[in-house]
Amino acid sequence: MMSKFEDISGFPGVIGAIDGTHISITPPGENEADYVNRKSFHSIILQAVCCHDRLFIDINCGWPGRVNDARVFRNSKVCQCQAQLCGPNHLVGDGAYPVSSYLMKPYRERQNMTAAEKIFNKTLCSARAVIEHAFGVLKGRFRRLQHINMVDIEYIVKTVVATCVSVSYTHLTLPTICSV
């Protein structure tokens, strides 16, 4: 997996890309304000890790939209098991995530960035792009994820998780189906 990430981005030691996306929902009956995100619409958060070929290898779904990516991450199984999962390798994420020995993020954009920092950011961004593409494939395949018109949060979460599993399962079996 690491060599595939390095092939597509030039960034060494990557075993996965992590990010969060908001799934728009109808305002729930309880704690409605908790689900309003920074862009002022109601949502739940889907945090996912994918490998080089956009296959989801970890998902965490259901946090209210107003929660930030760093908090979702801190409370996820991936964060709690990072040292065991990553070993000397790392995940790549965007600036919303905390930097650690097993999670790399870009340098904050500023005017006096060094050439090395700019190259680092560009290379990391190309490695991280696979998670953005994975979310695009997910939301393109399941257009219902553009807005889920249900009010039961537990059922919404189960629906989102099922779409992630379906996309990953289809991704794994697609070559077999195509060769038949």
Protein backbone atom coordinates (compact mmCIF):
# COMPACT_ATOMS: atom_id res chain seq x y z
CA MET A 1 0.00 0.00 0.00
CA MET A 2 2.81 2.39 0.87
CA SER A 3 4.53 1.88 -2.47
CA LYS A 4 1.25 2.59 -4.31
CA PHE A 5 0.78 5.84 -2.38
CA GLU A 6 4.37 6.77 -3.15
CA ASP A 7 3.86 5.95 -6.83
CA ILE A 8 0.87 8.28 -7.12
CA SER A 9 2.19 11.12 -4.96
CA GLY A 10 5.90 10.77 -4.24
CA PHE A 11 5.08 10.91 -0.51
CA PRO A 12 6.73 8.01 1.38
CA GLY A 13 5.34 5.95 4.26
CA VAL A 14 1.65 6.66 3.67
CA ILE A 15 -0.78 3.88 4.60
CA GLY A 16 -4.00 5.88 4.30
CA ALA A 17 -5.62 9.26 3.72
CA ILE A 18 -8.12 10.63 6.24
CA ASP A 19 -10.78 13.32 5.98
CA GLY A 20 -14.30 14.17 7.00
CA THR A 21 -17.32 15.14 4.95
CA HIS A 22 -20.69 16.52 5.91
CA ILE A 23 -23.82 14.63 4.97
CA SER A 24 -26.74 17.04 4.76
CA ILE A 25 -29.78 15.95 6.78
CA THR A 26 -33.26 17.14 7.65
CA PRO A 27 -33.16 18.85 11.07
CA PRO A 28 -33.62 16.19 13.75
CA GLY A 29 -36.30 16.51 16.39
CA GLU A 30 -33.83 16.65 19.29
CA ASN A 31 -30.72 18.82 19.71
CA GLU A 32 -31.29 20.44 16.33
CA ALA A 33 -28.71 23.21 16.93
CA ASP A 34 -25.93 20.63 17.42
CA TYR A 35 -26.35 19.50 13.82
CA VAL A 36 -25.87 22.94 12.24
CA ASN A 37 -22.36 23.00 10.75
CA ARG A 38 -20.07 25.95 10.03
CA LYS A 39 -21.73 26.42 6.64
CA SER A 40 -25.12 26.79 8.36
CA PHE A 41 -26.83 23.59 7.24
CA HIS A 42 -27.80 20.52 9.25
CA SER A 43 -25.46 17.58 8.85
CA ILE A 44 -23.77 14.58 10.33
CA ILE A 45 -20.08 13.92 9.83
CA LEU A 46 -18.59 10.97 8.02
CA GLN A 47 -14.88 10.56 8.76
CA ALA A 48 -13.12 8.00 6.63
CA VAL A 49 -9.70 6.59 5.90
CA CYS A 50 -9.03 5.16 2.47
CA CYS A 51 -6.11 3.47 0.79
CA HIS A 52 -4.44 4.43 -2.49
CA ASP A 53 -7.25 3.00 -4.64
CA ARG A 54 -10.04 4.90 -2.80
CA LEU A 55 -11.20 1.82 -0.90
CA PHE A 56 -12.59 2.78 2.52
CA ILE A 57 -10.60 0.99 5.21
CA ASP A 58 -12.12 2.79 8.21
CA ILE A 59 -15.26 4.87 8.70
CA ASN A 60 -16.65 6.79 11.66
CA CYS A 61 -20.10 8.25 11.14
CA GLY A 62 -22.74 10.11 13.13
CA TRP A 63 -21.13 13.04 14.89
CA PRO A 64 -23.28 16.20 14.75
CA GLY A 65 -22.29 18.70 12.06
CA ARG A 66 -21.04 21.38 14.45
CA VAL A 67 -18.23 19.12 15.74
CA ASN A 68 -14.83 19.75 14.13
CA ASP A 69 -12.72 17.11 12.37
CA ALA A 70 -10.07 17.09 15.12
CA ARG A 71 -12.62 16.16 17.79
CA VAL A 72 -14.15 13.42 15.64
CA PHE A 73 -10.64 12.09 15.06
CA ARG A 74 -9.64 12.22 18.75
CA ASN A 75 -12.69 10.10 19.59
CA SER A 76 -12.27 7.59 16.77
CA LYS A 77 -10.89 4.05 16.90
CA VAL A 78 -8.28 5.06 14.33
CA CYS A 79 -6.86 7.67 16.71
CA GLN A 80 -6.94 5.33 19.68
CA CYS A 81 -5.07 2.62 17.76
CA GLN A 82 -2.78 4.76 15.59
CA ALA A 83 0.51 3.62 17.06
CA GLN A 84 -0.40 -0.05 16.59
CA LEU A 85 -1.93 0.48 13.13
CA CYS A 86 0.68 2.74 11.64
CA GLY A 87 3.94 1.63 13.22
CA PRO A 88 6.63 3.81 11.66
CA ASN A 89 4.25 4.84 8.84
CA HIS A 90 1.51 7.45 8.78
CA LEU A 91 -1.85 8.69 7.61
CA VAL A 92 -2.17 11.97 5.71
CA GLY A 93 -4.86 14.52 6.45
CA ASP A 94 -5.72 18.16 5.92
CA GLY A 95 -5.01 21.09 8.21
CA ALA A 96 -7.99 20.28 10.47
CA TYR A 97 -6.18 17.29 11.95
CA PRO A 98 -3.54 17.35 14.68
CA VAL A 99 -0.02 16.53 13.54
CA SER A 100 1.61 13.53 15.18
CA SER A 101 4.22 10.91 14.39
CA TYR A 102 1.50 8.89 12.61
CA LEU A 103 -0.58 11.67 11.06
CA MET A 104 0.97 14.16 8.70
CA LYS A 105 -0.73 17.38 7.66
CA PRO A 106 0.35 20.28 5.47
CA TYR A 107 2.19 23.31 6.73
CA ARG A 108 -0.11 26.25 7.32
CA GLU A 109 -0.12 28.48 4.24
CA ARG A 110 1.77 31.72 4.82
CA GLN A 111 3.68 34.26 2.76
CA ASN A 112 7.19 33.27 3.83
CA MET A 113 6.95 29.51 3.25
CA THR A 114 10.21 27.88 2.24
CA ALA A 115 10.53 26.02 -1.04
CA ALA A 116 10.80 22.74 0.90
CA GLU A 117 7.54 23.47 2.77
CA LYS A 118 5.75 24.24 -0.48
CA ILE A 119 6.98 20.98 -2.03
CA PHE A 120 5.98 19.07 1.11
CA ASN A 121 2.46 20.55 0.97
CA LYS A 122 2.06 19.79 -2.73
CA THR A 123 3.26 16.20 -2.33
CA LEU A 124 1.11 15.59 0.76
CA CYS A 125 -1.90 17.10 -1.01
CA SER A 126 -1.50 14.68 -3.93
CA ALA A 127 -1.40 11.76 -1.49
CA ARG A 128 -4.45 13.09 0.36
CA ALA A 129 -6.47 13.63 -2.82
CA VAL A 130 -7.56 9.97 -2.85
CA ILE A 131 -9.90 10.52 0.11
CA GLU A 132 -11.52 13.49 -1.64
CA HIS A 133 -12.01 11.30 -4.71
CA ALA A 134 -13.42 8.49 -2.55
CA PHE A 135 -16.03 10.86 -1.12
CA GLY A 136 -16.82 12.06 -4.64
CA VAL A 137 -17.37 8.49 -5.82
CA LEU A 138 -19.53 7.75 -2.78
CA LYS A 139 -21.73 10.83 -3.19
CA GLY A 140 -21.88 10.38 -6.96
CA ARG A 141 -22.99 6.77 -6.70
CA PHE A 142 -25.46 7.44 -3.88
CA ARG A 143 -26.96 10.80 -4.76
CA ARG A 144 -29.26 10.41 -1.77
CA LEU A 145 -26.23 11.43 0.31
CA GLN A 146 -26.57 14.97 -1.09
CA HIS A 147 -29.42 15.32 1.44
CA ILE A 148 -30.91 12.59 3.59
CA ASN A 149 -34.56 13.32 4.27
CA MET A 150 -34.95 11.30 7.48
CA VAL A 151 -35.09 12.45 11.09
CA ASP A 152 -33.91 9.37 13.01
CA ILE A 153 -30.14 9.93 13.41
CA GLU A 154 -29.46 6.25 14.13
CA TYR A 155 -31.18 5.24 10.88
CA ILE A 156 -29.34 7.97 8.96
CA VAL A 157 -25.99 6.69 10.27
CA LYS A 158 -26.86 3.12 9.30
CA THR A 159 -27.79 4.32 5.81
CA VAL A 160 -24.48 6.18 5.36
CA VAL A 161 -22.46 3.24 6.69
CA ALA A 162 -24.30 0.89 4.31
CA THR A 163 -23.41 3.11 1.33
CA CYS A 164 -19.73 3.11 2.36
CA VAL A 165 -19.74 -0.68 2.65
CA SER A 166 -21.53 -1.00 -0.69
CA VAL A 167 -19.03 1.22 -2.49
CA SER A 168 -16.10 -0.69 -0.98
CA TYR A 169 -17.67 -4.08 -1.74
CA THR A 170 -18.42 -3.05 -5.33
CA HIS A 171 -14.89 -1.70 -5.61
CA LEU A 172 -13.46 -5.04 -4.49
CA THR A 173 -15.67 -7.14 -6.76
CA LEU A 174 -15.76 -4.92 -9.84
CA PRO A 175 -12.89 -6.63 -11.73
CA THR A 176 -14.61 -10.01 -11.29
CA ILE A 177 -17.91 -8.65 -12.56
CA CYS A 178 -16.25 -6.97 -15.54
CA SER A 179 -14.41 -10.13 -16.59
CA VAL A 180 -17.58 -12.26 -16.70
